[in-house]
Amino acid sequence: MGISKVASVRLPFVISVPHCSFQVPKDIRPSIALTASQILECSDLGTREVFTRFPVRVALWARWSRLVVDLNRDYLSRDPTGVVPTVDYYRREIYKRGCSPDEGEVQRRLKDYYWPYHWRLKEALQDPVIKVLFDCHSLSNIGPPGAPNRLQWRKDIVLGNNGNHRGEGRPSLGTITCPTEPLLMMKEVFEESVINAGALTQAILWGRSMRMKW
């Protein structure tokens, strides 16, 4: 886990970058069937370099690949793309035959890799100065086969608050993580500022956002 604190003027934000790494611990790497380039494909390339440069109060980033433990999943999730996934979003088997982690190994990874990150994140959010948590990612241009928008072109900028495509709450998912009005304002700012810079960019509101149980 990486942590940075900017010493000069700091915005009252916490930035979390949970999928930036493509590193795998040496004791786990022999059990993984994917090549180095395939592991790299599963990371959010460039997110640490882009998002942790902002002058925020706290920025956290993952040390290990999401294939080792997915910091953006509920710790109770045991499905194939859960907290310790066995299949990636390209529908490739992550582990060699007979090498998938058992529950004991899942618990070890939670203890060693997952909980330290979330304890630090929870500590940061308890600071009364903090106003906003940004959960930051990057996406491939085309949705991989295992993604909700598989084989479709994706928008350039994706904003999410656990609501619908208009940023409104969905009872089935619980409360939204950001009010609708400021989310729509951010969407407009992204579209207008990039267009004014000479590029045509589309922003979209997407329902999913990080909601963790501590």
N, C-alpha and C. Protein backbone atom coordinates (compact mmCIF):
# COMPACT_ATOMS: atom_id res chain seq x y z
N MET A 1 0.84 -1.19 0.00
CA MET A 1 0.00 0.00 0.00
C MET A 1 0.87 1.23 0.00
N GLY A 2 0.52 2.20 -0.83
CA GLY A 2 1.22 3.46 -0.84
C GLY A 2 0.36 4.55 -0.25
N ILE A 3 0.98 5.47 0.44
CA ILE A 3 0.28 6.60 1.06
C ILE A 3 1.10 7.85 0.81
N SER A 4 0.43 8.91 0.41
CA SER A 4 1.13 10.19 0.28
C SER A 4 0.32 11.27 0.95
N LYS A 5 1.04 12.21 1.53
CA LYS A 5 0.43 13.39 2.11
C LYS A 5 1.16 14.60 1.53
N VAL A 6 0.43 15.48 0.88
CA VAL A 6 1.03 16.66 0.26
C VAL A 6 1.21 17.72 1.33
N ALA A 7 2.42 18.25 1.44
CA ALA A 7 2.75 19.12 2.56
C ALA A 7 2.28 20.56 2.37
N SER A 8 2.07 21.00 1.14
CA SER A 8 1.69 22.38 0.90
C SER A 8 0.17 22.53 1.00
N VAL A 9 -0.43 23.33 0.15
CA VAL A 9 -1.87 23.52 0.18
C VAL A 9 -2.55 22.21 -0.21
N ARG A 10 -3.48 21.76 0.61
CA ARG A 10 -4.08 20.47 0.39
C ARG A 10 -5.60 20.59 0.32
N LEU A 11 -6.17 19.98 -0.69
CA LEU A 11 -7.62 19.92 -0.79
C LEU A 11 -8.15 18.90 0.22
N PRO A 12 -9.35 19.12 0.77
CA PRO A 12 -9.87 18.22 1.81
C PRO A 12 -10.46 16.92 1.23
N PHE A 13 -9.66 16.25 0.44
CA PHE A 13 -10.10 15.05 -0.26
C PHE A 13 -9.21 13.87 0.11
N VAL A 14 -9.79 12.67 -0.02
CA VAL A 14 -9.03 11.43 0.01
C VAL A 14 -9.15 10.80 -1.37
N ILE A 15 -8.03 10.40 -1.93
CA ILE A 15 -8.02 9.71 -3.22
C ILE A 15 -7.58 8.26 -2.98
N SER A 16 -8.38 7.33 -3.49
CA SER A 16 -8.05 5.91 -3.40
C SER A 16 -7.86 5.37 -4.81
N VAL A 17 -6.74 4.67 -5.02
CA VAL A 17 -6.42 4.11 -6.34
C VAL A 17 -6.18 2.60 -6.15
N PRO A 18 -7.25 1.79 -6.16
CA PRO A 18 -7.14 0.39 -5.74
C PRO A 18 -6.66 -0.59 -6.80
N HIS A 19 -6.62 -0.19 -8.07
CA HIS A 19 -6.29 -1.14 -9.13
C HIS A 19 -5.08 -0.71 -9.97
N CYS A 20 -4.21 0.11 -9.40
CA CYS A 20 -3.11 0.66 -10.19
C CYS A 20 -1.95 -0.32 -10.38
N SER A 21 -1.82 -1.31 -9.50
CA SER A 21 -0.63 -2.14 -9.49
C SER A 21 -0.75 -3.36 -10.40
N PHE A 22 0.40 -3.77 -10.92
CA PHE A 22 0.48 -5.04 -11.66
C PHE A 22 1.52 -5.96 -11.01
N GLN A 23 1.89 -5.65 -9.77
CA GLN A 23 2.87 -6.46 -9.05
C GLN A 23 2.18 -7.63 -8.34
N VAL A 24 2.88 -8.76 -8.28
CA VAL A 24 2.37 -9.96 -7.61
C VAL A 24 3.45 -10.45 -6.65
N PRO A 25 3.11 -10.76 -5.40
CA PRO A 25 4.12 -11.27 -4.47
C PRO A 25 4.82 -12.52 -5.02
N LYS A 26 6.09 -12.65 -4.68
CA LYS A 26 6.89 -13.75 -5.22
C LYS A 26 6.32 -15.11 -4.85
N ASP A 27 5.71 -15.24 -3.66
CA ASP A 27 5.20 -16.54 -3.25
C ASP A 27 3.90 -16.91 -3.95
N ILE A 28 3.24 -15.94 -4.59
CA ILE A 28 1.97 -16.19 -5.28
C ILE A 28 2.18 -16.34 -6.78
N ARG A 29 3.19 -15.67 -7.32
CA ARG A 29 3.37 -15.65 -8.77
C ARG A 29 3.44 -17.04 -9.42
N PRO A 30 4.12 -18.06 -8.84
CA PRO A 30 4.19 -19.36 -9.50
C PRO A 30 2.83 -20.04 -9.70
N SER A 31 1.83 -19.67 -8.91
CA SER A 31 0.51 -20.30 -9.02
C SER A 31 -0.36 -19.66 -10.09
N ILE A 32 0.05 -18.52 -10.62
CA ILE A 32 -0.76 -17.77 -11.57
C ILE A 32 -0.45 -18.18 -13.01
N ALA A 33 -1.50 -18.44 -13.76
CA ALA A 33 -1.36 -18.91 -15.14
C ALA A 33 -1.15 -17.78 -16.13
N LEU A 34 -1.54 -16.57 -15.79
CA LEU A 34 -1.47 -15.45 -16.73
C LEU A 34 -0.03 -14.99 -16.93
N THR A 35 0.23 -14.50 -18.12
CA THR A 35 1.55 -13.94 -18.42
C THR A 35 1.67 -12.54 -17.81
N ALA A 36 2.89 -12.02 -17.83
CA ALA A 36 3.12 -10.68 -17.30
C ALA A 36 2.28 -9.63 -18.05
N SER A 37 2.18 -9.77 -19.37
CA SER A 37 1.41 -8.80 -20.15
C SER A 37 -0.08 -8.93 -19.84
N GLN A 38 -0.56 -10.14 -19.59
CA GLN A 38 -1.97 -10.33 -19.24
C GLN A 38 -2.28 -9.76 -17.86
N ILE A 39 -1.35 -9.91 -16.93
CA ILE A 39 -1.53 -9.30 -15.61
C ILE A 39 -1.58 -7.79 -15.74
N LEU A 40 -0.72 -7.25 -16.60
CA LEU A 40 -0.70 -5.81 -16.83
C LEU A 40 -2.05 -5.33 -17.38
N GLU A 41 -2.66 -6.11 -18.26
CA GLU A 41 -3.96 -5.76 -18.83
C GLU A 41 -5.04 -5.61 -17.76
N CYS A 42 -4.87 -6.30 -16.65
CA CYS A 42 -5.88 -6.29 -15.58
C CYS A 42 -5.72 -5.11 -14.63
N SER A 43 -4.69 -4.30 -14.82
CA SER A 43 -4.48 -3.15 -13.96
C SER A 43 -5.10 -1.90 -14.58
N ASP A 44 -5.31 -0.90 -13.75
CA ASP A 44 -5.78 0.41 -14.23
C ASP A 44 -4.56 1.27 -14.54
N LEU A 45 -4.06 1.11 -15.75
CA LEU A 45 -2.81 1.75 -16.13
C LEU A 45 -2.87 3.27 -15.97
N GLY A 46 -1.84 3.81 -15.39
CA GLY A 46 -1.69 5.26 -15.31
C GLY A 46 -2.42 5.93 -14.16
N THR A 47 -3.23 5.18 -13.41
CA THR A 47 -4.04 5.84 -12.38
C THR A 47 -3.21 6.39 -11.22
N ARG A 48 -2.20 5.65 -10.81
CA ARG A 48 -1.35 6.18 -9.74
C ARG A 48 -0.65 7.45 -10.21
N GLU A 49 -0.09 7.42 -11.42
CA GLU A 49 0.65 8.56 -11.93
C GLU A 49 -0.24 9.79 -12.10
N VAL A 50 -1.49 9.59 -12.49
CA VAL A 50 -2.40 10.71 -12.74
C VAL A 50 -3.02 11.23 -11.44
N PHE A 51 -3.64 10.35 -10.66
CA PHE A 51 -4.49 10.81 -9.57
C PHE A 51 -3.74 11.16 -8.30
N THR A 52 -2.60 10.53 -8.04
CA THR A 52 -1.91 10.82 -6.78
C THR A 52 -1.07 12.09 -6.87
N ARG A 53 -1.06 12.74 -8.02
CA ARG A 53 -0.34 14.01 -8.16
C ARG A 53 -1.18 15.21 -7.71
N PHE A 54 -2.47 15.00 -7.49
CA PHE A 54 -3.32 16.11 -7.06
C PHE A 54 -2.98 16.49 -5.61
N PRO A 55 -3.07 17.77 -5.28
CA PRO A 55 -2.73 18.22 -3.92
C PRO A 55 -3.85 17.95 -2.92
N VAL A 56 -4.01 16.70 -2.58
CA VAL A 56 -5.07 16.31 -1.65
C VAL A 56 -4.47 15.96 -0.29
N ARG A 57 -5.33 15.85 0.69
CA ARG A 57 -4.85 15.58 2.04
C ARG A 57 -4.24 14.18 2.15
N VAL A 58 -4.91 13.18 1.57
CA VAL A 58 -4.39 11.82 1.60
C VAL A 58 -4.65 11.14 0.26
N ALA A 59 -3.64 10.45 -0.27
CA ALA A 59 -3.81 9.61 -1.45
C ALA A 59 -3.27 8.23 -1.13
N LEU A 60 -4.06 7.20 -1.40
CA LEU A 60 -3.66 5.83 -1.17
C LEU A 60 -3.69 5.07 -2.48
N TRP A 61 -2.73 4.16 -2.66
CA TRP A 61 -2.73 3.35 -3.85
C TRP A 61 -2.29 1.92 -3.50
N ALA A 62 -2.75 0.99 -4.33
CA ALA A 62 -2.49 -0.42 -4.08
C ALA A 62 -1.04 -0.77 -4.37
N ARG A 63 -0.47 -1.64 -3.55
CA ARG A 63 0.87 -2.15 -3.81
C ARG A 63 0.81 -3.38 -4.73
N TRP A 64 -0.27 -4.15 -4.61
CA TRP A 64 -0.36 -5.43 -5.34
C TRP A 64 -1.50 -5.43 -6.33
N SER A 65 -1.39 -6.27 -7.32
CA SER A 65 -2.40 -6.41 -8.37
C SER A 65 -3.76 -6.80 -7.78
N ARG A 66 -4.82 -6.37 -8.43
CA ARG A 66 -6.17 -6.76 -8.05
C ARG A 66 -6.38 -8.26 -8.19
N LEU A 67 -5.52 -8.95 -8.94
CA LEU A 67 -5.62 -10.40 -9.06
C LEU A 67 -5.20 -11.09 -7.77
N VAL A 68 -4.39 -10.41 -6.96
CA VAL A 68 -3.97 -10.95 -5.67
C VAL A 68 -5.09 -10.76 -4.65
N VAL A 69 -5.57 -9.55 -4.55
CA VAL A 69 -6.73 -9.22 -3.73
C VAL A 69 -7.33 -7.95 -4.31
N ASP A 70 -8.64 -7.94 -4.46
CA ASP A 70 -9.31 -6.77 -5.04
C ASP A 70 -9.80 -5.87 -3.93
N LEU A 71 -9.12 -4.76 -3.75
CA LEU A 71 -9.45 -3.81 -2.68
C LEU A 71 -10.79 -3.13 -2.90
N ASN A 72 -11.34 -3.26 -4.08
CA ASN A 72 -12.61 -2.61 -4.43
C ASN A 72 -13.79 -3.56 -4.36
N ARG A 73 -13.63 -4.65 -3.62
CA ARG A 73 -14.69 -5.64 -3.46
C ARG A 73 -15.00 -5.83 -1.97
N ASP A 74 -16.24 -6.23 -1.70
CA ASP A 74 -16.63 -6.58 -0.35
C ASP A 74 -15.79 -7.78 0.11
N TYR A 75 -15.32 -7.73 1.33
CA TYR A 75 -14.46 -8.81 1.82
C TYR A 75 -15.18 -10.16 1.91
N LEU A 76 -16.51 -10.15 1.86
CA LEU A 76 -17.28 -11.39 1.91
C LEU A 76 -17.52 -11.99 0.52
N SER A 77 -17.20 -11.26 -0.53
CA SER A 77 -17.49 -11.72 -1.89
C SER A 77 -16.58 -12.88 -2.26
N ARG A 78 -17.20 -13.99 -2.68
CA ARG A 78 -16.44 -15.18 -3.08
C ARG A 78 -16.77 -15.63 -4.50
N ASP A 79 -17.38 -14.77 -5.30
CA ASP A 79 -17.66 -15.15 -6.69
C ASP A 79 -16.38 -15.07 -7.50
N PRO A 80 -16.39 -15.55 -8.75
CA PRO A 80 -15.14 -15.62 -9.53
C PRO A 80 -14.41 -14.29 -9.72
N THR A 81 -15.12 -13.18 -9.65
CA THR A 81 -14.47 -11.86 -9.73
C THR A 81 -14.60 -11.13 -8.39
N GLY A 82 -14.59 -11.88 -7.31
CA GLY A 82 -14.76 -11.31 -5.98
C GLY A 82 -13.47 -10.77 -5.39
N VAL A 83 -13.39 -10.79 -4.08
CA VAL A 83 -12.27 -10.14 -3.40
C VAL A 83 -10.94 -10.83 -3.70
N VAL A 84 -10.95 -12.13 -3.90
CA VAL A 84 -9.77 -12.86 -4.41
C VAL A 84 -10.25 -13.57 -5.67
N PRO A 85 -10.15 -12.91 -6.81
CA PRO A 85 -10.76 -13.45 -8.04
C PRO A 85 -10.02 -14.68 -8.55
N THR A 86 -10.77 -15.50 -9.26
CA THR A 86 -10.17 -16.66 -9.94
C THR A 86 -10.29 -16.54 -11.46
N VAL A 87 -11.09 -15.57 -11.91
CA VAL A 87 -11.27 -15.30 -13.34
C VAL A 87 -11.12 -13.80 -13.54
N ASP A 88 -10.42 -13.37 -14.60
CA ASP A 88 -10.32 -11.94 -14.86
C ASP A 88 -11.45 -11.49 -15.78
N TYR A 89 -11.46 -10.19 -16.10
CA TYR A 89 -12.56 -9.66 -16.90
C TYR A 89 -12.45 -10.01 -18.38
N TYR A 90 -11.38 -10.69 -18.74
CA TYR A 90 -11.29 -11.25 -20.09
C TYR A 90 -11.71 -12.72 -20.10
N ARG A 91 -12.28 -13.15 -18.95
CA ARG A 91 -12.77 -14.52 -18.75
C ARG A 91 -11.65 -15.55 -18.82
N ARG A 92 -10.46 -15.13 -18.44
CA ARG A 92 -9.32 -16.04 -18.39
C ARG A 92 -9.17 -16.58 -16.97
N GLU A 93 -8.86 -17.85 -16.86
CA GLU A 93 -8.56 -18.44 -15.56
C GLU A 93 -7.25 -17.85 -15.04
N ILE A 94 -7.29 -17.31 -13.84
CA ILE A 94 -6.12 -16.65 -13.28
C ILE A 94 -5.07 -17.66 -12.81
N TYR A 95 -5.53 -18.79 -12.26
CA TYR A 95 -4.60 -19.72 -11.63
C TYR A 95 -4.40 -20.99 -12.46
N LYS A 96 -3.25 -21.58 -12.27
CA LYS A 96 -2.97 -22.87 -12.87
C LYS A 96 -3.88 -23.93 -12.24
N ARG A 97 -4.05 -25.03 -12.93
CA ARG A 97 -4.93 -26.09 -12.45
C ARG A 97 -4.48 -26.55 -11.05
N GLY A 98 -5.45 -26.58 -10.14
CA GLY A 98 -5.17 -27.03 -8.78
C GLY A 98 -4.53 -26.00 -7.87
N CYS A 99 -4.37 -24.78 -8.36
CA CYS A 99 -3.66 -23.75 -7.58
C CYS A 99 -4.57 -22.62 -7.09
N SER A 100 -5.87 -22.72 -7.31
CA SER A 100 -6.77 -21.66 -6.84
C SER A 100 -6.71 -21.55 -5.32
N PRO A 101 -6.71 -20.35 -4.79
CA PRO A 101 -6.60 -20.18 -3.32
C PRO A 101 -7.81 -20.74 -2.59
N ASP A 102 -7.55 -21.45 -1.50
CA ASP A 102 -8.64 -21.95 -0.66
C ASP A 102 -9.03 -20.86 0.34
N GLU A 103 -9.99 -21.14 1.19
CA GLU A 103 -10.48 -20.12 2.12
C GLU A 103 -9.38 -19.66 3.07
N GLY A 104 -8.51 -20.57 3.47
CA GLY A 104 -7.41 -20.17 4.34
C GLY A 104 -6.50 -19.15 3.67
N GLU A 105 -6.22 -19.35 2.39
CA GLU A 105 -5.39 -18.41 1.65
C GLU A 105 -6.12 -17.08 1.43
N VAL A 106 -7.43 -17.16 1.19
CA VAL A 106 -8.22 -15.93 1.05
C VAL A 106 -8.12 -15.11 2.34
N GLN A 107 -8.28 -15.77 3.48
CA GLN A 107 -8.21 -15.07 4.76
C GLN A 107 -6.82 -14.48 4.99
N ARG A 108 -5.78 -15.18 4.58
CA ARG A 108 -4.42 -14.64 4.73
C ARG A 108 -4.25 -13.38 3.91
N ARG A 109 -4.76 -13.40 2.68
CA ARG A 109 -4.61 -12.22 1.83
C ARG A 109 -5.44 -11.04 2.36
N LEU A 110 -6.59 -11.35 2.90
CA LEU A 110 -7.37 -10.28 3.53
C LEU A 110 -6.57 -9.65 4.67
N LYS A 111 -5.98 -10.50 5.49
CA LYS A 111 -5.21 -10.02 6.65
C LYS A 111 -3.99 -9.22 6.22
N ASP A 112 -3.25 -9.72 5.23
CA ASP A 112 -1.98 -9.11 4.86
C ASP A 112 -2.11 -7.93 3.91
N TYR A 113 -3.10 -7.97 3.02
CA TYR A 113 -3.17 -6.99 1.93
C TYR A 113 -4.43 -6.12 1.95
N TYR A 114 -5.55 -6.72 2.27
CA TYR A 114 -6.84 -6.03 2.16
C TYR A 114 -7.11 -5.11 3.36
N TRP A 115 -7.07 -5.69 4.56
CA TRP A 115 -7.47 -4.91 5.73
C TRP A 115 -6.53 -3.76 6.03
N PRO A 116 -5.20 -3.89 5.88
CA PRO A 116 -4.36 -2.71 6.13
C PRO A 116 -4.73 -1.51 5.25
N TYR A 117 -5.09 -1.77 4.00
CA TYR A 117 -5.49 -0.68 3.10
C TYR A 117 -6.79 -0.04 3.60
N HIS A 118 -7.76 -0.87 3.96
CA HIS A 118 -9.05 -0.33 4.37
C HIS A 118 -9.02 0.31 5.75
N TRP A 119 -8.17 -0.19 6.61
CA TRP A 119 -8.00 0.48 7.90
C TRP A 119 -7.43 1.87 7.70
N ARG A 120 -6.45 1.98 6.80
CA ARG A 120 -5.88 3.31 6.54
C ARG A 120 -6.90 4.21 5.85
N LEU A 121 -7.69 3.66 4.97
CA LEU A 121 -8.72 4.44 4.30
C LEU A 121 -9.77 4.91 5.30
N LYS A 122 -10.18 4.02 6.18
CA LYS A 122 -11.17 4.40 7.20
C LYS A 122 -10.60 5.48 8.11
N GLU A 123 -9.34 5.34 8.49
CA GLU A 123 -8.69 6.35 9.33
C GLU A 123 -8.68 7.72 8.64
N ALA A 124 -8.38 7.71 7.36
CA ALA A 124 -8.34 8.97 6.62
C ALA A 124 -9.72 9.63 6.57
N LEU A 125 -10.76 8.81 6.39
CA LEU A 125 -12.11 9.35 6.27
C LEU A 125 -12.66 9.84 7.61
N GLN A 126 -12.06 9.42 8.71
CA GLN A 126 -12.50 9.90 10.03
C GLN A 126 -11.94 11.27 10.37
N ASP A 127 -11.02 11.76 9.56
CA ASP A 127 -10.51 13.11 9.74
C ASP A 127 -11.64 14.10 9.46
N PRO A 128 -12.02 14.95 10.41
CA PRO A 128 -13.15 15.87 10.20
C PRO A 128 -12.93 16.87 9.07
N VAL A 129 -11.69 17.06 8.66
CA VAL A 129 -11.40 17.99 7.57
C VAL A 129 -11.83 17.42 6.22
N ILE A 130 -11.84 16.10 6.09
CA ILE A 130 -12.12 15.45 4.81
C ILE A 130 -13.58 15.65 4.41
N LYS A 131 -13.76 16.04 3.14
CA LYS A 131 -15.10 16.28 2.60
C LYS A 131 -15.51 15.26 1.55
N VAL A 132 -14.53 14.73 0.79
CA VAL A 132 -14.87 13.87 -0.35
C VAL A 132 -13.86 12.73 -0.46
N LEU A 133 -14.36 11.55 -0.81
CA LEU A 133 -13.52 10.43 -1.21
C LEU A 133 -13.69 10.22 -2.70
N PHE A 134 -12.58 10.19 -3.44
CA PHE A 134 -12.60 9.86 -4.86
C PHE A 134 -11.99 8.47 -5.04
N ASP A 135 -12.76 7.57 -5.61
CA ASP A 135 -12.31 6.21 -5.92
C ASP A 135 -11.95 6.19 -7.40
N CYS A 136 -10.66 6.09 -7.72
CA CYS A 136 -10.18 6.43 -9.06
C CYS A 136 -9.74 5.20 -9.85
N HIS A 137 -10.14 5.16 -11.12
CA HIS A 137 -9.87 4.03 -12.00
C HIS A 137 -9.56 4.52 -13.41
N SER A 138 -9.09 3.60 -14.25
CA SER A 138 -9.04 3.81 -15.69
C SER A 138 -9.65 2.59 -16.36
N LEU A 139 -10.14 2.78 -17.58
CA LEU A 139 -10.85 1.72 -18.30
C LEU A 139 -10.25 1.53 -19.69
N SER A 140 -10.31 0.31 -20.16
CA SER A 140 -9.94 0.07 -21.56
C SER A 140 -10.99 0.69 -22.47
N ASN A 141 -10.61 1.03 -23.70
CA ASN A 141 -11.54 1.69 -24.62
C ASN A 141 -12.77 0.85 -24.91
N ILE A 142 -12.58 -0.46 -24.98
CA ILE A 142 -13.68 -1.39 -25.27
C ILE A 142 -13.84 -2.31 -24.07
N GLY A 143 -15.08 -2.49 -23.62
CA GLY A 143 -15.33 -3.34 -22.47
C GLY A 143 -14.90 -4.78 -22.72
N PRO A 144 -14.12 -5.38 -21.81
CA PRO A 144 -13.70 -6.77 -21.98
C PRO A 144 -14.90 -7.72 -21.87
N PRO A 145 -14.74 -8.98 -22.27
CA PRO A 145 -15.87 -9.91 -22.31
C PRO A 145 -16.61 -10.09 -20.99
N GLY A 146 -15.92 -9.93 -19.86
CA GLY A 146 -16.58 -10.13 -18.58
C GLY A 146 -17.16 -8.87 -17.96
N ALA A 147 -17.07 -7.74 -18.65
CA ALA A 147 -17.57 -6.47 -18.10
C ALA A 147 -19.06 -6.29 -18.41
N PRO A 148 -19.76 -5.45 -17.62
CA PRO A 148 -21.18 -5.20 -17.91
C PRO A 148 -21.42 -4.64 -19.30
N ASN A 149 -20.49 -3.83 -19.80
CA ASN A 149 -20.62 -3.24 -21.15
C ASN A 149 -19.66 -3.93 -22.10
N ARG A 150 -19.67 -5.24 -22.11
CA ARG A 150 -18.70 -6.02 -22.85
C ARG A 150 -18.75 -5.72 -24.35
N LEU A 151 -17.57 -5.61 -24.93
CA LEU A 151 -17.36 -5.41 -26.36
C LEU A 151 -18.01 -4.12 -26.88
N GLN A 152 -18.26 -3.16 -25.99
CA GLN A 152 -18.83 -1.87 -26.38
C GLN A 152 -17.78 -0.77 -26.15
N TRP A 153 -17.83 0.25 -27.02
CA TRP A 153 -16.97 1.41 -26.80
C TRP A 153 -17.40 2.13 -25.54
N ARG A 154 -16.43 2.52 -24.74
CA ARG A 154 -16.72 3.20 -23.49
C ARG A 154 -16.52 4.71 -23.65
N LYS A 155 -17.19 5.44 -22.77
CA LYS A 155 -17.03 6.89 -22.76
C LYS A 155 -15.63 7.25 -22.25
N ASP A 156 -15.23 8.47 -22.53
CA ASP A 156 -13.90 8.92 -22.13
C ASP A 156 -13.80 9.15 -20.62
N ILE A 157 -14.87 9.62 -20.03
CA ILE A 157 -14.89 9.91 -18.59
C ILE A 157 -16.14 9.27 -18.00
N VAL A 158 -15.96 8.55 -16.92
CA VAL A 158 -17.07 7.84 -16.27
C VAL A 158 -17.16 8.29 -14.82
N LEU A 159 -18.33 8.76 -14.43
CA LEU A 159 -18.58 9.20 -13.06
C LEU A 159 -19.63 8.29 -12.44
N GLY A 160 -19.46 7.91 -11.20
CA GLY A 160 -20.42 7.02 -10.56
C GLY A 160 -20.72 7.43 -9.14
N ASN A 161 -21.97 7.23 -8.72
CA ASN A 161 -22.36 7.54 -7.34
C ASN A 161 -23.32 6.49 -6.76
N ASN A 162 -23.30 5.28 -7.32
CA ASN A 162 -24.18 4.21 -6.87
C ASN A 162 -25.64 4.45 -7.25
N GLY A 163 -25.84 5.31 -8.25
CA GLY A 163 -27.19 5.60 -8.71
C GLY A 163 -27.40 5.10 -10.13
N ASN A 164 -28.43 5.64 -10.78
CA ASN A 164 -28.71 5.25 -12.17
C ASN A 164 -27.93 6.15 -13.13
N HIS A 165 -28.26 6.07 -14.42
CA HIS A 165 -27.50 6.83 -15.41
C HIS A 165 -27.76 8.33 -15.33
N ARG A 166 -28.71 8.74 -14.51
CA ARG A 166 -28.95 10.16 -14.28
C ARG A 166 -28.41 10.60 -12.92
N GLY A 167 -27.73 9.70 -12.24
CA GLY A 167 -27.18 10.02 -10.93
C GLY A 167 -28.20 9.99 -9.82
N GLU A 168 -29.37 9.43 -10.09
CA GLU A 168 -30.43 9.34 -9.09
C GLU A 168 -30.34 8.01 -8.35
N GLY A 169 -30.84 7.99 -7.12
CA GLY A 169 -30.77 6.80 -6.30
C GLY A 169 -31.57 5.63 -6.85
N ARG A 170 -31.05 4.44 -6.58
CA ARG A 170 -31.74 3.21 -6.93
C ARG A 170 -32.00 2.42 -5.65
N PRO A 171 -33.27 2.23 -5.29
CA PRO A 171 -33.58 1.56 -4.02
C PRO A 171 -32.91 0.21 -3.86
N SER A 172 -32.70 -0.49 -4.96
CA SER A 172 -32.10 -1.82 -4.87
C SER A 172 -30.65 -1.79 -4.41
N LEU A 173 -29.98 -0.64 -4.58
CA LEU A 173 -28.56 -0.52 -4.22
C LEU A 173 -28.33 0.32 -2.97
N GLY A 174 -29.38 0.93 -2.44
CA GLY A 174 -29.20 1.77 -1.27
C GLY A 174 -28.96 3.22 -1.64
N THR A 175 -28.39 3.97 -0.72
CA THR A 175 -28.22 5.40 -0.91
C THR A 175 -27.08 5.69 -1.90
N ILE A 176 -27.19 6.87 -2.53
CA ILE A 176 -26.13 7.29 -3.44
C ILE A 176 -24.95 7.84 -2.63
N THR A 177 -23.76 7.80 -3.22
CA THR A 177 -22.56 8.23 -2.52
C THR A 177 -22.21 9.69 -2.78
N CYS A 178 -22.90 10.30 -3.73
CA CYS A 178 -22.70 11.72 -4.04
C CYS A 178 -24.04 12.28 -4.48
N PRO A 179 -24.45 13.45 -4.00
CA PRO A 179 -25.71 14.03 -4.45
C PRO A 179 -25.75 14.19 -5.96
N THR A 180 -26.94 14.10 -6.51
CA THR A 180 -27.10 14.13 -7.96
C THR A 180 -26.63 15.44 -8.57
N GLU A 181 -26.99 16.57 -7.97
CA GLU A 181 -26.69 17.87 -8.57
C GLU A 181 -25.19 18.11 -8.78
N PRO A 182 -24.34 17.94 -7.76
CA PRO A 182 -22.91 18.16 -8.02
C PRO A 182 -22.32 17.15 -9.00
N LEU A 183 -22.88 15.93 -9.04
CA LEU A 183 -22.37 14.95 -10.00
C LEU A 183 -22.68 15.41 -11.43
N LEU A 184 -23.87 15.92 -11.66
CA LEU A 184 -24.22 16.44 -12.97
C LEU A 184 -23.36 17.65 -13.33
N MET A 185 -23.06 18.48 -12.34
CA MET A 185 -22.18 19.62 -12.58
C MET A 185 -20.79 19.17 -13.01
N MET A 186 -20.28 18.12 -12.36
CA MET A 186 -18.96 17.60 -12.74
C MET A 186 -18.99 17.06 -14.17
N LYS A 187 -20.07 16.39 -14.53
CA LYS A 187 -20.21 15.87 -15.89
C LYS A 187 -20.13 17.00 -16.90
N GLU A 188 -20.85 18.09 -16.65
CA GLU A 188 -20.85 19.23 -17.56
C GLU A 188 -19.46 19.88 -17.63
N VAL A 189 -18.80 20.01 -16.50
CA VAL A 189 -17.48 20.63 -16.47
C VAL A 189 -16.49 19.81 -17.29
N PHE A 190 -16.50 18.48 -17.12
CA PHE A 190 -15.60 17.63 -17.88
C PHE A 190 -15.84 17.79 -19.37
N GLU A 191 -17.10 17.74 -19.77
CA GLU A 191 -17.41 17.83 -21.20
C GLU A 191 -17.00 19.19 -21.76
N GLU A 192 -17.35 20.27 -21.08
CA GLU A 192 -17.07 21.61 -21.59
C GLU A 192 -15.58 21.92 -21.60
N SER A 193 -14.87 21.56 -20.55
CA SER A 193 -13.46 21.92 -20.45
C SER A 193 -12.63 21.18 -21.49
N VAL A 194 -12.92 19.91 -21.72
CA VAL A 194 -12.14 19.15 -22.69
C VAL A 194 -12.48 19.58 -24.11
N ILE A 195 -13.76 19.86 -24.37
CA ILE A 195 -14.14 20.34 -25.70
C ILE A 195 -13.47 21.67 -25.99
N ASN A 196 -13.42 22.54 -24.99
CA ASN A 196 -12.77 23.84 -25.16
C ASN A 196 -11.27 23.69 -25.41
N ALA A 197 -10.70 22.56 -24.97
CA ALA A 197 -9.28 22.32 -25.19
C ALA A 197 -9.00 21.74 -26.57
N GLY A 198 -10.04 21.53 -27.34
CA GLY A 198 -9.86 21.08 -28.71
C GLY A 198 -10.12 19.61 -28.94
N ALA A 199 -10.69 18.92 -27.97
CA ALA A 199 -11.00 17.50 -28.12
C ALA A 199 -12.48 17.27 -27.88
N LEU A 200 -13.01 16.25 -28.50
CA LEU A 200 -14.41 15.90 -28.32
C LEU A 200 -14.48 14.76 -27.32
N THR A 201 -14.99 15.04 -26.15
CA THR A 201 -15.03 14.05 -25.09
C THR A 201 -16.45 13.93 -24.55
N GLN A 202 -16.86 12.71 -24.28
CA GLN A 202 -18.16 12.46 -23.70
C GLN A 202 -18.00 11.91 -22.29
N ALA A 203 -18.79 12.41 -21.38
CA ALA A 203 -18.81 11.89 -20.02
C ALA A 203 -20.13 11.16 -19.81
N ILE A 204 -20.11 10.16 -18.97
CA ILE A 204 -21.31 9.39 -18.71
C ILE A 204 -21.41 9.14 -17.21
N LEU A 205 -22.64 9.07 -16.72
CA LEU A 205 -22.87 8.70 -15.33
C LEU A 205 -23.10 7.20 -15.28
N TRP A 206 -22.36 6.55 -14.42
CA TRP A 206 -22.45 5.10 -14.31
C TRP A 206 -22.78 4.75 -12.88
N GLY A 207 -23.63 3.75 -12.68
CA GLY A 207 -24.16 3.48 -11.35
C GLY A 207 -23.18 3.00 -10.33
N ARG A 208 -22.19 2.23 -10.73
CA ARG A 208 -21.37 1.56 -9.74
C ARG A 208 -20.41 2.52 -9.05
N SER A 209 -20.26 2.34 -7.74
CA SER A 209 -19.25 3.07 -6.99
C SER A 209 -18.86 2.21 -5.80
N MET A 210 -17.80 2.61 -5.11
CA MET A 210 -17.32 1.80 -4.01
C MET A 210 -18.20 1.97 -2.79
N ARG A 211 -18.74 0.88 -2.29
CA ARG A 211 -19.48 0.88 -1.04
C ARG A 211 -18.96 -0.30 -0.23
N MET A 212 -18.16 -0.03 0.74
CA MET A 212 -17.52 -1.09 1.48
C MET A 212 -18.17 -1.27 2.85
N LYS A 213 -18.11 -2.49 3.38
CA LYS A 213 -18.59 -2.79 4.73
C LYS A 213 -17.39 -2.91 5.66
N TRP A 214 -17.32 -2.06 6.67
CA TRP A 214 -16.23 -2.15 7.65
C TRP A 214 -16.79 -2.66 8.96
